Amino acid sequence: MTPKRALWLLLGMVAVGLGAVGVVLPLLPTTPFLLFAAFAFARSSERWHQWLVHHQIFGSLIEDWNRYGAISRSAKTVSVLSMLAVVLISVALKVPALVLAVQAMVLMMVAIFVLSRPSPPSMDD
C-alpha cells in the first residue's frame, strides 16, 4: 500500500471512530464523519469502503445523504432528543450559565441544520 493510500485509510478509520462516538455524543456529528470516511475509504480500500456503505447501521445514513442530501426522520428524532438530553443533563449538573448558553446555542444551530435537511423518500413511493 502506498503512503498516500495508507493515510487515506487512517483518516477513514479515525472518521468512523469519531462518527461512532457521535452516535452517543450529540456535540459530535455522526453523518459528516461517516461521509468523510466513505470518501477516504474510496481512495484507500475498496474492502473498507464496501464495509462502510453496506454497514447495517451506518450504510443507510451514507446512502440517504448521497442520493438525496437527506437525513431520515428517525435519525433526526434521535439527534434532536439526544441534544435536548445533553442540555437537560447540563442543567441538572448545574453547569455554569455561560457554558450552558454556548452549549444551547451550538446545539440549537445543529438542530436547525438537521431538521432543515429533507427526509429521504419513503419506501412505498
PDB file of N, CA and C in Angstrom:
ATOM      1  N   MET A   1       0.854  -1.180   0.000  1.00  0.00           N
ATOM      2  CA  MET A   1       0.000   0.000   0.000  1.00  0.00           C
ATOM      3  C   MET A   1       0.896   1.238   0.000  1.00  0.00           C
ATOM      4  N   THR A   2       0.536   2.188  -0.833  1.00  0.00           N
ATOM      5  CA  THR A   2       1.323   3.421  -0.917  1.00  0.00           C
ATOM      6  C   THR A   2       1.085   4.268   0.341  1.00  0.00           C
ATOM      7  N   PRO A   3       2.027   5.155   0.660  1.00  0.00           N
ATOM      8  CA  PRO A   3       1.824   6.032   1.819  1.00  0.00           C
ATOM      9  C   PRO A   3       0.547   6.884   1.708  1.00  0.00           C
ATOM     10  N   LYS A   4       0.237   7.318   0.495  1.00  0.00           N
ATOM     11  CA  LYS A   4      -0.964   8.130   0.284  1.00  0.00           C
ATOM     12  C   LYS A   4      -2.226   7.322   0.612  1.00  0.00           C
ATOM     13  N   ARG A   5      -2.287   6.090   0.118  1.00  0.00           N
ATOM     14  CA  ARG A   5      -3.451   5.233   0.417  1.00  0.00           C
ATOM     15  C   ARG A   5      -3.509   4.900   1.898  1.00  0.00           C
ATOM     16  N   ALA A   6      -2.352   4.688   2.524  1.00  0.00           N
ATOM     17  CA  ALA A   6      -2.324   4.391   3.959  1.00  0.00           C
ATOM     18  C   ALA A   6      -2.862   5.580   4.759  1.00  0.00           C
ATOM     19  N   LEU A   7      -2.508   6.791   4.342  1.00  0.00           N
ATOM     20  CA  LEU A   7      -3.002   7.979   5.025  1.00  0.00           C
ATOM     21  C   LEU A   7      -4.522   8.087   4.881  1.00  0.00           C
ATOM     22  N   TRP A   8      -5.047   7.857   3.676  1.00  0.00           N
ATOM     23  CA  TRP A   8      -6.491   7.891   3.473  1.00  0.00           C
ATOM     24  C   TRP A   8      -7.183   6.831   4.331  1.00  0.00           C
ATOM     25  N   LEU A   9      -6.586   5.646   4.416  1.00  0.00           N
ATOM     26  CA  LEU A   9      -7.159   4.581   5.235  1.00  0.00           C
ATOM     27  C   LEU A   9      -7.193   4.983   6.706  1.00  0.00           C
ATOM     28  N   LEU A  10      -6.100   5.545   7.192  1.00  0.00           N
ATOM     29  CA  LEU A  10      -6.034   6.001   8.578  1.00  0.00           C
ATOM     30  C   LEU A  10      -7.081   7.094   8.838  1.00  0.00           C
ATOM     31  N   LEU A  11      -7.171   8.066   7.934  1.00  0.00           N
ATOM     32  CA  LEU A  11      -8.166   9.135   8.087  1.00  0.00           C
ATOM     33  C   LEU A  11      -9.586   8.568   8.091  1.00  0.00           C
ATOM     34  N   GLY A  12      -9.838   7.586   7.242  1.00  0.00           N
ATOM     35  CA  GLY A  12     -11.160   6.951   7.206  1.00  0.00           C
ATOM     36  C   GLY A  12     -11.482   6.249   8.509  1.00  0.00           C
ATOM     37  N   MET A  13     -10.507   5.559   9.068  1.00  0.00           N
ATOM     38  CA  MET A  13     -10.731   4.851  10.333  1.00  0.00           C
ATOM     39  C   MET A  13     -10.971   5.829  11.482  1.00  0.00           C
ATOM     40  N   VAL A  14     -10.216   6.906  11.499  1.00  0.00           N
ATOM     41  CA  VAL A  14     -10.418   7.932  12.535  1.00  0.00           C
ATOM     42  C   VAL A  14     -11.819   8.528  12.384  1.00  0.00           C
ATOM     43  N   ALA A  15     -12.225   8.805  11.152  1.00  0.00           N
ATOM     44  CA  ALA A  15     -13.545   9.385  10.917  1.00  0.00           C
ATOM     45  C   ALA A  15     -14.659   8.432  11.347  1.00  0.00           C
ATOM     46  N   VAL A  16     -14.509   7.139  11.086  1.00  0.00           N
ATOM     47  CA  VAL A  16     -15.515   6.169  11.535  1.00  0.00           C
ATOM     48  C   VAL A  16     -15.570   6.158  13.065  1.00  0.00           C
ATOM     49  N   GLY A  17     -14.413   6.192  13.703  1.00  0.00           N
ATOM     50  CA  GLY A  17     -14.385   6.224  15.165  1.00  0.00           C
ATOM     51  C   GLY A  17     -15.090   7.448  15.718  1.00  0.00           C
ATOM     52  N   LEU A  18     -14.805   8.610  15.140  1.00  0.00           N
ATOM     53  CA  LEU A  18     -15.462   9.843  15.589  1.00  0.00           C
ATOM     54  C   LEU A  18     -16.962   9.807  15.304  1.00  0.00           C
ATOM     55  N   GLY A  19     -17.330   9.249  14.166  1.00  0.00           N
ATOM     56  CA  GLY A  19     -18.753   9.109  13.846  1.00  0.00           C
ATOM     57  C   GLY A  19     -19.463   8.188  14.816  1.00  0.00           C
ATOM     58  N   ALA A  20     -18.802   7.109  15.206  1.00  0.00           N
ATOM     59  CA  ALA A  20     -19.387   6.173  16.177  1.00  0.00           C
ATOM     60  C   ALA A  20     -19.566   6.850  17.536  1.00  0.00           C
ATOM     61  N   VAL A  21     -18.581   7.641  17.938  1.00  0.00           N
ATOM     62  CA  VAL A  21     -18.699   8.388  19.191  1.00  0.00           C
ATOM     63  C   VAL A  21     -19.838   9.400  19.075  1.00  0.00           C
ATOM     64  N   GLY A  22     -19.990   9.980  17.887  1.00  0.00           N
ATOM     65  CA  GLY A  22     -21.049  10.955  17.659  1.00  0.00           C
ATOM     66  C   GLY A  22     -22.449  10.379  17.794  1.00  0.00           C
ATOM     67  N   VAL A  23     -22.573   9.060  17.681  1.00  0.00           N
ATOM     68  CA  VAL A  23     -23.882   8.437  17.867  1.00  0.00           C
ATOM     69  C   VAL A  23     -24.390   8.692  19.285  1.00  0.00           C
ATOM     70  N   VAL A  24     -23.485   8.711  20.256  1.00  0.00           N
ATOM     71  CA  VAL A  24     -23.893   8.894  21.655  1.00  0.00           C
ATOM     72  C   VAL A  24     -23.527  10.257  22.221  1.00  0.00           C
ATOM     73  N   LEU A  25     -22.755  11.038  21.497  1.00  0.00           N
ATOM     74  CA  LEU A  25     -22.328  12.350  21.972  1.00  0.00           C
ATOM     75  C   LEU A  25     -22.860  13.423  21.015  1.00  0.00           C
ATOM     76  N   PRO A  26     -23.946  14.096  21.375  1.00  0.00           N
ATOM     77  CA  PRO A  26     -24.627  14.990  20.440  1.00  0.00           C
ATOM     78  C   PRO A  26     -23.798  16.136  19.881  1.00  0.00           C
ATOM     79  N   LEU A  27     -22.775  16.585  20.578  1.00  0.00           N
ATOM     80  CA  LEU A  27     -21.971  17.680  20.039  1.00  0.00           C
ATOM     81  C   LEU A  27     -21.063  17.223  18.900  1.00  0.00           C
ATOM     82  N   LEU A  28     -20.918  15.925  18.737  1.00  0.00           N
ATOM     83  CA  LEU A  28     -20.068  15.377  17.688  1.00  0.00           C
ATOM     84  C   LEU A  28     -20.974  14.796  16.604  1.00  0.00           C
ATOM     85  N   PRO A  29     -21.005  15.387  15.429  1.00  0.00           N
ATOM     86  CA  PRO A  29     -21.930  14.920  14.400  1.00  0.00           C
ATOM     87  C   PRO A  29     -21.501  13.586  13.802  1.00  0.00           C
ATOM     88  N   THR A  30     -22.454  12.702  13.594  1.00  0.00           N
ATOM     89  CA  THR A  30     -22.159  11.380  13.053  1.00  0.00           C
ATOM     90  C   THR A  30     -22.043  11.399  11.535  1.00  0.00           C
ATOM     91  N   THR A  31     -23.063  11.904  10.864  1.00  0.00           N
ATOM     92  CA  THR A  31     -23.137  11.799   9.408  1.00  0.00           C
ATOM     93  C   THR A  31     -21.957  12.429   8.679  1.00  0.00           C
ATOM     94  N   PRO A  32     -21.515  13.659   9.018  1.00  0.00           N
ATOM     95  CA  PRO A  32     -20.370  14.210   8.277  1.00  0.00           C
ATOM     96  C   PRO A  32     -19.102  13.361   8.408  1.00  0.00           C
ATOM     97  N   PHE A  33     -18.864  12.806   9.587  1.00  0.00           N
ATOM     98  CA  PHE A  33     -17.690  11.952   9.754  1.00  0.00           C
ATOM     99  C   PHE A  33     -17.816  10.683   8.922  1.00  0.00           C
ATOM    100  N   LEU A  34     -19.015  10.110   8.861  1.00  0.00           N
ATOM    101  CA  LEU A  34     -19.201   8.894   8.068  1.00  0.00           C
ATOM    102  C   LEU A  34     -19.086   9.186   6.571  1.00  0.00           C
ATOM    103  N   LEU A  35     -19.578  10.352   6.161  1.00  0.00           N
ATOM    104  CA  LEU A  35     -19.429  10.724   4.751  1.00  0.00           C
ATOM    105  C   LEU A  35     -17.953  10.903   4.392  1.00  0.00           C
ATOM    106  N   PHE A  36     -17.207  11.533   5.293  1.00  0.00           N
ATOM    107  CA  PHE A  36     -15.773  11.691   5.049  1.00  0.00           C
ATOM    108  C   PHE A  36     -15.084  10.330   5.049  1.00  0.00           C
ATOM    109  N   ALA A  37     -15.497   9.441   5.956  1.00  0.00           N
ATOM    110  CA  ALA A  37     -14.893   8.101   5.997  1.00  0.00           C
ATOM    111  C   ALA A  37     -15.140   7.365   4.680  1.00  0.00           C
ATOM    112  N   ALA A  38     -16.348   7.468   4.149  1.00  0.00           N
ATOM    113  CA  ALA A  38     -16.642   6.820   2.870  1.00  0.00           C
ATOM    114  C   ALA A  38     -15.755   7.396   1.763  1.00  0.00           C
ATOM    115  N   PHE A  39     -15.584   8.700   1.773  1.00  0.00           N
ATOM    116  CA  PHE A  39     -14.708   9.374   0.811  1.00  0.00           C
ATOM    117  C   PHE A  39     -13.268   8.857   0.947  1.00  0.00           C
ATOM    118  N   ALA A  40     -12.787   8.792   2.182  1.00  0.00           N
ATOM    119  CA  ALA A  40     -11.404   8.352   2.420  1.00  0.00           C
ATOM    120  C   ALA A  40     -11.220   6.884   2.045  1.00  0.00           C
ATOM    121  N   PHE A  41     -12.172   6.049   2.410  1.00  0.00           N
ATOM    122  CA  PHE A  41     -12.055   4.626   2.083  1.00  0.00           C
ATOM    123  C   PHE A  41     -12.126   4.393   0.577  1.00  0.00           C
ATOM    124  N   ALA A  42     -12.895   5.222  -0.139  1.00  0.00           N
ATOM    125  CA  ALA A  42     -12.969   5.087  -1.596  1.00  0.00           C
ATOM    126  C   ALA A  42     -11.605   5.344  -2.232  1.00  0.00           C
ATOM    127  N   ARG A  43     -10.740   6.082  -1.542  1.00  0.00           N
ATOM    128  CA  ARG A  43      -9.408   6.387  -2.048  1.00  0.00           C
ATOM    129  C   ARG A  43      -8.326   5.471  -1.496  1.00  0.00           C
ATOM    130  N   SER A  44      -8.718   4.569  -0.590  1.00  0.00           N
ATOM    131  CA  SER A  44      -7.688   3.750   0.037  1.00  0.00           C
ATOM    132  C   SER A  44      -7.970   2.257   0.003  1.00  0.00           C
ATOM    133  N   SER A  45      -9.213   1.865   0.242  1.00  0.00           N
ATOM    134  CA  SER A  45      -9.502   0.439   0.376  1.00  0.00           C
ATOM    135  C   SER A  45     -10.932   0.138  -0.055  1.00  0.00           C
ATOM    136  N   GLU A  46     -11.061  -0.576  -1.142  1.00  0.00           N
ATOM    137  CA  GLU A  46     -12.394  -0.968  -1.620  1.00  0.00           C
ATOM    138  C   GLU A  46     -13.109  -1.826  -0.576  1.00  0.00           C
ATOM    139  N   ARG A  47     -12.361  -2.671   0.112  1.00  0.00           N
ATOM    140  CA  ARG A  47     -12.960  -3.543   1.133  1.00  0.00           C
ATOM    141  C   ARG A  47     -13.567  -2.719   2.265  1.00  0.00           C
ATOM    142  N   TRP A  48     -12.840  -1.733   2.783  1.00  0.00           N
ATOM    143  CA  TRP A  48     -13.356  -0.879   3.859  1.00  0.00           C
ATOM    144  C   TRP A  48     -14.504  -0.002   3.358  1.00  0.00           C
ATOM    145  N   HIS A  49     -14.394   0.475   2.132  1.00  0.00           N
ATOM    146  CA  HIS A  49     -15.461   1.293   1.565  1.00  0.00           C
ATOM    147  C   HIS A  49     -16.753   0.483   1.473  1.00  0.00           C
ATOM    148  N   GLN A  50     -16.657  -0.713   0.945  1.00  0.00           N
ATOM    149  CA  GLN A  50     -17.840  -1.572   0.834  1.00  0.00           C
ATOM    150  C   GLN A  50     -18.405  -1.914   2.209  1.00  0.00           C
ATOM    151  N   TRP A  51     -17.531  -2.164   3.177  1.00  0.00           N
ATOM    152  CA  TRP A  51     -17.982  -2.461   4.537  1.00  0.00           C
ATOM    153  C   TRP A  51     -18.808  -1.290   5.079  1.00  0.00           C
ATOM    154  N   LEU A  52     -18.315  -0.069   4.886  1.00  0.00           N
ATOM    155  CA  LEU A  52     -18.994   1.098   5.444  1.00  0.00           C
ATOM    156  C   LEU A  52     -20.312   1.383   4.737  1.00  0.00           C
ATOM    157  N   VAL A  53     -20.316   1.391   3.417  1.00  0.00           N
ATOM    158  CA  VAL A  53     -21.549   1.750   2.706  1.00  0.00           C
ATOM    159  C   VAL A  53     -22.610   0.654   2.817  1.00  0.00           C
ATOM    160  N   HIS A  54     -22.214  -0.556   3.194  1.00  0.00           N
ATOM    161  CA  HIS A  54     -23.189  -1.633   3.398  1.00  0.00           C
ATOM    162  C   HIS A  54     -23.388  -1.957   4.880  1.00  0.00           C
ATOM    163  N   HIS A  55     -22.823  -1.142   5.751  1.00  0.00           N
ATOM    164  CA  HIS A  55     -22.941  -1.366   7.191  1.00  0.00           C
ATOM    165  C   HIS A  55     -24.412  -1.305   7.597  1.00  0.00           C
ATOM    166  N   GLN A  56     -24.814  -2.198   8.489  1.00  0.00           N
ATOM    167  CA  GLN A  56     -26.209  -2.301   8.902  1.00  0.00           C
ATOM    168  C   GLN A  56     -26.739  -0.994   9.501  1.00  0.00           C
ATOM    169  N   ILE A  57     -25.931  -0.284  10.248  1.00  0.00           N
ATOM    170  CA  ILE A  57     -26.378   0.957  10.893  1.00  0.00           C
ATOM    171  C   ILE A  57     -25.974   2.182  10.082  1.00  0.00           C
ATOM    172  N   PHE A  58     -24.711   2.286   9.720  1.00  0.00           N
ATOM    173  CA  PHE A  58     -24.185   3.497   9.097  1.00  0.00           C
ATOM    174  C   PHE A  58     -24.457   3.588   7.601  1.00  0.00           C
ATOM    175  N   GLY A  59     -24.632   2.463   6.934  1.00  0.00           N
ATOM    176  CA  GLY A  59     -24.788   2.457   5.480  1.00  0.00           C
ATOM    177  C   GLY A  59     -25.968   3.277   4.990  1.00  0.00           C
ATOM    178  N   SER A  60     -27.091   3.185   5.692  1.00  0.00           N
ATOM    179  CA  SER A  60     -28.283   3.918   5.243  1.00  0.00           C
ATOM    180  C   SER A  60     -28.096   5.435   5.378  1.00  0.00           C
ATOM    181  N   LEU A  61     -27.343   5.873   6.399  1.00  0.00           N
ATOM    182  CA  LEU A  61     -27.070   7.311   6.537  1.00  0.00           C
ATOM    183  C   LEU A  61     -26.302   7.833   5.328  1.00  0.00           C
ATOM    184  N   ILE A  62     -25.319   7.063   4.905  1.00  0.00           N
ATOM    185  CA  ILE A  62     -24.486   7.462   3.762  1.00  0.00           C
ATOM    186  C   ILE A  62     -25.305   7.432   2.473  1.00  0.00           C
ATOM    187  N   GLU A  63     -26.086   6.382   2.291  1.00  0.00           N
ATOM    188  CA  GLU A  63     -26.889   6.261   1.071  1.00  0.00           C
ATOM    189  C   GLU A  63     -27.930   7.379   0.983  1.00  0.00           C
ATOM    190  N   ASP A  64     -28.614   7.666   2.095  1.00  0.00           N
ATOM    191  CA  ASP A  64     -29.618   8.749   2.083  1.00  0.00           C
ATOM    192  C   ASP A  64     -28.975  10.083   1.730  1.00  0.00           C
ATOM    193  N   TRP A  65     -27.797  10.342   2.294  1.00  0.00           N
ATOM    194  CA  TRP A  65     -27.126  11.617   2.008  1.00  0.00           C
ATOM    195  C   TRP A  65     -26.646  11.668   0.560  1.00  0.00           C
ATOM    196  N   ASN A  66     -26.029  10.583   0.096  1.00  0.00           N
ATOM    197  CA  ASN A  66     -25.506  10.562  -1.270  1.00  0.00           C
ATOM    198  C   ASN A  66     -26.620  10.678  -2.310  1.00  0.00           C
ATOM    199  N   ARG A  67     -27.721   9.996  -2.096  1.00  0.00           N
ATOM    200  CA  ARG A  67     -28.804  10.004  -3.083  1.00  0.00           C
ATOM    201  C   ARG A  67     -29.653  11.262  -3.032  1.00  0.00           C
ATOM    202  N   TYR A  68     -29.977  11.712  -1.805  1.00  0.00           N
ATOM    203  CA  TYR A  68     -30.989  12.750  -1.671  1.00  0.00           C
ATOM    204  C   TYR A  68     -30.541  13.983  -0.879  1.00  0.00           C
ATOM    205  N   GLY A  69     -29.331  13.971  -0.316  1.00  0.00           N
ATOM    206  CA  GLY A  69     -28.925  15.048   0.576  1.00  0.00           C
ATOM    207  C   GLY A  69     -29.829  15.080   1.799  1.00  0.00           C
ATOM    208  N   ALA A  70     -30.254  13.895   2.231  1.00  0.00           N
ATOM    209  CA  ALA A  70     -31.314  13.770   3.220  1.00  0.00           C
ATOM    210  C   ALA A  70     -30.850  13.076   4.496  1.00  0.00           C
ATOM    211  N   ILE A  71     -31.607  13.344   5.571  1.00  0.00           N
ATOM    212  CA  ILE A  71     -31.416  12.676   6.856  1.00  0.00           C
ATOM    213  C   ILE A  71     -32.768  12.071   7.226  1.00  0.00           C
ATOM    214  N   SER A  72     -32.778  10.801   7.584  1.00  0.00           N
ATOM    215  CA  SER A  72     -34.041  10.118   7.875  1.00  0.00           C
ATOM    216  C   SER A  72     -34.746  10.727   9.083  1.00  0.00           C
ATOM    217  N   ARG A  73     -36.049  10.544   9.122  1.00  0.00           N
ATOM    218  CA  ARG A  73     -36.843  11.056  10.242  1.00  0.00           C
ATOM    219  C   ARG A  73     -36.366  10.468  11.568  1.00  0.00           C
ATOM    220  N   SER A  74     -36.059   9.183  11.557  1.00  0.00           N
ATOM    221  CA  SER A  74     -35.613   8.548  12.809  1.00  0.00           C
ATOM    222  C   SER A  74     -34.272   9.119  13.264  1.00  0.00           C
ATOM    223  N   ALA A  75     -33.358   9.376  12.331  1.00  0.00           N
ATOM    224  CA  ALA A  75     -32.071   9.970  12.702  1.00  0.00           C
ATOM    225  C   ALA A  75     -32.266  11.391  13.220  1.00  0.00           C
ATOM    226  N   LYS A  76     -33.187  12.139  12.611  1.00  0.00           N
ATOM    227  CA  LYS A  76     -33.485  13.491  13.091  1.00  0.00           C
ATOM    228  C   LYS A  76     -34.041  13.437  14.511  1.00  0.00           C
ATOM    229  N   THR A  77     -34.960  12.515  14.757  1.00  0.00           N
ATOM    230  CA  THR A  77     -35.581  12.391  16.077  1.00  0.00           C
ATOM    231  C   THR A  77     -34.549  12.047  17.139  1.00  0.00           C
ATOM    232  N   VAL A  78     -33.736  11.037  16.867  1.00  0.00           N
ATOM    233  CA  VAL A  78     -32.700  10.631  17.829  1.00  0.00           C
ATOM    234  C   VAL A  78     -31.737  11.785  18.072  1.00  0.00           C
ATOM    235  N   SER A  79     -31.358  12.471  17.017  1.00  0.00           N
ATOM    236  CA  SER A  79     -30.414  13.579  17.127  1.00  0.00           C
ATOM    237  C   SER A  79     -30.955  14.697  18.011  1.00  0.00           C
ATOM    238  N   VAL A  80     -32.158  15.147  17.725  1.00  0.00           N
ATOM    239  CA  VAL A  80     -32.732  16.262  18.483  1.00  0.00           C
ATOM    240  C   VAL A  80     -32.998  15.853  19.935  1.00  0.00           C
ATOM    241  N   LEU A  81     -33.509  14.647  20.148  1.00  0.00           N
ATOM    242  CA  LEU A  81     -33.759  14.192  21.524  1.00  0.00           C
ATOM    243  C   LEU A  81     -32.461  14.056  22.324  1.00  0.00           C
ATOM    244  N   SER A  82     -31.411  13.594  21.683  1.00  0.00           N
ATOM    245  CA  SER A  82     -30.142  13.469  22.412  1.00  0.00           C
ATOM    246  C   SER A  82     -29.552  14.851  22.714  1.00  0.00           C
ATOM    247  N   MET A  83     -29.742  15.812  21.804  1.00  0.00           N
ATOM    248  CA  MET A  83     -29.279  17.175  22.087  1.00  0.00           C
ATOM    249  C   MET A  83     -30.047  17.768  23.264  1.00  0.00           C
ATOM    250  N   LEU A  84     -31.345  17.544  23.277  1.00  0.00           N
ATOM    251  CA  LEU A  84     -32.165  18.023  24.396  1.00  0.00           C
ATOM    252  C   LEU A  84     -31.727  17.362  25.705  1.00  0.00           C
ATOM    253  N   ALA A  85     -31.431  16.068  25.649  1.00  0.00           N
ATOM    254  CA  ALA A  85     -30.980  15.354  26.847  1.00  0.00           C
ATOM    255  C   ALA A  85     -29.675  15.936  27.377  1.00  0.00           C
ATOM    256  N   VAL A  86     -28.767  16.285  26.489  1.00  0.00           N
ATOM    257  CA  VAL A  86     -27.487  16.861  26.921  1.00  0.00           C
ATOM    258  C   VAL A  86     -27.712  18.188  27.633  1.00  0.00           C
ATOM    259  N   VAL A  87     -28.596  19.024  27.103  1.00  0.00           N
ATOM    260  CA  VAL A  87     -28.882  20.310  27.748  1.00  0.00           C
ATOM    261  C   VAL A  87     -29.511  20.067  29.120  1.00  0.00           C
ATOM    262  N   LEU A  88     -30.452  19.144  29.201  1.00  0.00           N
ATOM    263  CA  LEU A  88     -31.103  18.855  30.482  1.00  0.00           C
ATOM    264  C   LEU A  88     -30.112  18.293  31.504  1.00  0.00           C
ATOM    265  N   ILE A  89     -29.203  17.438  31.058  1.00  0.00           N
ATOM    266  CA  ILE A  89     -28.174  16.902  31.956  1.00  0.00           C
ATOM    267  C   ILE A  89     -27.268  18.039  32.436  1.00  0.00           C
ATOM    268  N   SER A  90     -26.928  18.936  31.535  1.00  0.00           N
ATOM    269  CA  SER A  90     -26.085  20.077  31.911  1.00  0.00           C
ATOM    270  C   SER A  90     -26.778  20.957  32.946  1.00  0.00           C
ATOM    271  N   VAL A  91     -28.076  21.164  32.763  1.00  0.00           N
ATOM    272  CA  VAL A  91     -28.841  21.943  33.744  1.00  0.00           C
ATOM    273  C   VAL A  91     -28.840  21.219  35.088  1.00  0.00           C
ATOM    274  N   ALA A  92     -29.087  19.909  35.067  1.00  0.00           N
ATOM    275  CA  ALA A  92     -29.117  19.122  36.307  1.00  0.00           C
ATOM    276  C   ALA A  92     -27.764  19.132  37.014  1.00  0.00           C
ATOM    277  N   LEU A  93     -26.680  19.170  36.236  1.00  0.00           N
ATOM    278  CA  LEU A  93     -25.331  19.191  36.818  1.00  0.00           C
ATOM    279  C   LEU A  93     -24.897  20.604  37.219  1.00  0.00           C
ATOM    280  N   LYS A  94     -25.773  21.559  36.996  1.00  0.00           N
ATOM    281  CA  LYS A  94     -25.505  22.958  37.345  1.00  0.00           C
ATOM    282  C   LYS A  94     -24.229  23.496  36.679  1.00  0.00           C
ATOM    283  N   VAL A  95     -24.159  23.227  35.368  1.00  0.00           N
ATOM    284  CA  VAL A  95     -23.055  23.739  34.555  1.00  0.00           C
ATOM    285  C   VAL A  95     -23.132  25.269  34.584  1.00  0.00           C
ATOM    286  N   PRO A  96     -21.993  25.965  34.597  1.00  0.00           N
ATOM    287  CA  PRO A  96     -22.007  27.435  34.597  1.00  0.00           C
ATOM    288  C   PRO A  96     -22.874  27.991  33.460  1.00  0.00           C
ATOM    289  N   ALA A  97     -23.536  29.103  33.753  1.00  0.00           N
ATOM    290  CA  ALA A  97     -24.501  29.691  32.817  1.00  0.00           C
ATOM    291  C   ALA A  97     -23.894  29.989  31.447  1.00  0.00           C
ATOM    292  N   LEU A  98     -22.676  30.493  31.408  1.00  0.00           N
ATOM    293  CA  LEU A  98     -22.050  30.807  30.120  1.00  0.00           C
ATOM    294  C   LEU A  98     -21.839  29.533  29.291  1.00  0.00           C
ATOM    295  N   VAL A  99     -21.365  28.491  29.944  1.00  0.00           N
ATOM    296  CA  VAL A  99     -21.158  27.213  29.242  1.00  0.00           C
ATOM    297  C   VAL A  99     -22.493  26.676  28.746  1.00  0.00           C
ATOM    298  N   LEU A 100     -23.503  26.749  29.583  1.00  0.00           N
ATOM    299  CA  LEU A 100     -24.831  26.275  29.211  1.00  0.00           C
ATOM    300  C   LEU A 100     -25.381  27.082  28.025  1.00  0.00           C
ATOM    301  N   ALA A 101     -25.181  28.383  28.036  1.00  0.00           N
ATOM    302  CA  ALA A 101     -25.661  29.234  26.940  1.00  0.00           C
ATOM    303  C   ALA A 101     -24.960  28.887  25.626  1.00  0.00           C
ATOM    304  N   VAL A 102     -23.637  28.712  25.684  1.00  0.00           N
ATOM    305  CA  VAL A 102     -22.885  28.348  24.468  1.00  0.00           C
ATOM    306  C   VAL A 102     -23.338  26.982  23.971  1.00  0.00           C
ATOM    307  N   GLN A 103     -23.450  26.049  24.899  1.00  0.00           N
ATOM    308  CA  GLN A 103     -23.890  24.696  24.536  1.00  0.00           C
ATOM    309  C   GLN A 103     -25.274  24.737  23.892  1.00  0.00           C
ATOM    310  N   ALA A 104     -26.193  25.448  24.497  1.00  0.00           N
ATOM    311  CA  ALA A 104     -27.553  25.532  23.963  1.00  0.00           C
ATOM    312  C   ALA A 104     -27.569  26.183  22.584  1.00  0.00           C
ATOM    313  N   MET A 105     -26.757  27.228  22.384  1.00  0.00           N
ATOM    314  CA  MET A 105     -26.714  27.908  21.088  1.00  0.00           C
ATOM    315  C   MET A 105     -26.153  26.984  20.001  1.00  0.00           C
ATOM    316  N   VAL A 106     -25.062  26.304  20.309  1.00  0.00           N
ATOM    317  CA  VAL A 106     -24.466  25.392  19.326  1.00  0.00           C
ATOM    318  C   VAL A 106     -25.434  24.270  18.990  1.00  0.00           C
ATOM    319  N   LEU A 107     -26.026  23.668  20.011  1.00  0.00           N
ATOM    320  CA  LEU A 107     -26.958  22.573  19.768  1.00  0.00           C
ATOM    321  C   LEU A 107     -28.193  23.035  19.010  1.00  0.00           C
ATOM    322  N   MET A 108     -28.640  24.251  19.269  1.00  0.00           N
ATOM    323  CA  MET A 108     -29.779  24.784  18.538  1.00  0.00           C
ATOM    324  C   MET A 108     -29.437  24.943  17.053  1.00  0.00           C
ATOM    325  N   MET A 109     -28.240  25.438  16.761  1.00  0.00           N
ATOM    326  CA  MET A 109     -27.830  25.587  15.357  1.00  0.00           C
ATOM    327  C   MET A 109     -27.712  24.225  14.671  1.00  0.00           C
ATOM    328  N   VAL A 110     -27.164  23.260  15.389  1.00  0.00           N
ATOM    329  CA  VAL A 110     -27.063  21.906  14.829  1.00  0.00           C
ATOM    330  C   VAL A 110     -28.455  21.331  14.590  1.00  0.00           C
ATOM    331  N   ALA A 111     -29.353  21.520  15.549  1.00  0.00           N
ATOM    332  CA  ALA A 111     -30.725  21.015  15.400  1.00  0.00           C
ATOM    333  C   ALA A 111     -31.422  21.658  14.204  1.00  0.00           C
ATOM    334  N   ILE A 112     -31.226  22.956  14.020  1.00  0.00           N
ATOM    335  CA  ILE A 112     -31.823  23.643  12.864  1.00  0.00           C
ATOM    336  C   ILE A 112     -31.295  23.044  11.567  1.00  0.00           C
ATOM    337  N   PHE A 113     -29.990  22.809  11.508  1.00  0.00           N
ATOM    338  CA  PHE A 113     -29.422  22.206  10.304  1.00  0.00           C
ATOM    339  C   PHE A 113     -30.016  20.821  10.063  1.00  0.00           C
ATOM    340  N   VAL A 114     -30.021  19.991  11.102  1.00  0.00           N
ATOM    341  CA  VAL A 114     -30.526  18.618  10.963  1.00  0.00           C
ATOM    342  C   VAL A 114     -31.991  18.626  10.523  1.00  0.00           C
ATOM    343  N   LEU A 115     -32.801  19.444  11.177  1.00  0.00           N
ATOM    344  CA  LEU A 115     -34.225  19.475  10.854  1.00  0.00           C
ATOM    345  C   LEU A 115     -34.516  20.120   9.499  1.00  0.00           C
ATOM    346  N   SER A 116     -33.593  20.938   9.006  1.00  0.00           N
ATOM    347  CA  SER A 116     -33.816  21.585   7.707  1.00  0.00           C
ATOM    348  C   SER A 116     -33.462  20.686   6.526  1.00  0.00           C
ATOM    349  N   ARG A 117     -32.774  19.586   6.786  1.00  0.00           N
ATOM    350  CA  ARG A 117     -32.461  18.657   5.704  1.00  0.00           C
ATOM    351  C   ARG A 117     -33.720  17.900   5.317  1.00  0.00           C
ATOM    352  N   PRO A 118     -33.870  17.595   4.047  1.00  0.00           N
ATOM    353  CA  PRO A 118     -35.047  16.820   3.650  1.00  0.00           C
ATOM    354  C   PRO A 118     -34.961  15.388   4.189  1.00  0.00           C
ATOM    355  N   SER A 119     -36.097  14.740   4.259  1.00  0.00           N
ATOM    356  CA  SER A 119     -36.124  13.316   4.601  1.00  0.00           C
ATOM    357  C   SER A 119     -36.089  12.543   3.295  1.00  0.00           C
ATOM    358  N   PRO A 120     -35.466  11.368   3.298  1.00  0.00           N
ATOM    359  CA  PRO A 120     -35.460  10.564   2.060  1.00  0.00           C
ATOM    360  C   PRO A 120     -36.873  10.105   1.738  1.00  0.00           C
ATOM    361  N   PRO A 121     -37.146   9.836   0.454  1.00  0.00           N
ATOM    362  CA  PRO A 121     -38.486   9.359   0.099  1.00  0.00           C
ATOM    363  C   PRO A 121     -38.785   8.050   0.835  1.00  0.00           C
ATOM    364  N   SER A 122     -40.052   7.849   1.145  1.00  0.00           N
ATOM    365  CA  SER A 122     -40.417   6.606   1.832  1.00  0.00           C
ATOM    366  C   SER A 122     -40.314   5.437   0.868  1.00  0.00           C
ATOM    367  N   MET A 123     -40.203   4.265   1.427  1.00  0.00           N
ATOM    368  CA  MET A 123     -40.017   3.051   0.604  1.00  0.00           C
ATOM    369  C   MET A 123     -41.255   2.725  -0.217  1.00  0.00           C
ATOM    370  N   ASP A 124     -42.440   3.227   0.144  1.00  0.00           N
ATOM    371  CA  ASP A 124     -43.643   2.882  -0.622  1.00  0.00           C
ATOM    372  C   ASP A 124     -43.897   3.838  -1.778  1.00  0.00           C
ATOM    373  N   ASP A 125     -43.014   4.805  -2.012  1.00  0.00           N
ATOM    374  CA  ASP A 125     -43.202   5.729  -3.142  1.00  0.00           C
ATOM    375  C   ASP A 125     -42.939   5.044  -4.453  1.00  0.00           C
TER     376      ASP A 125
END
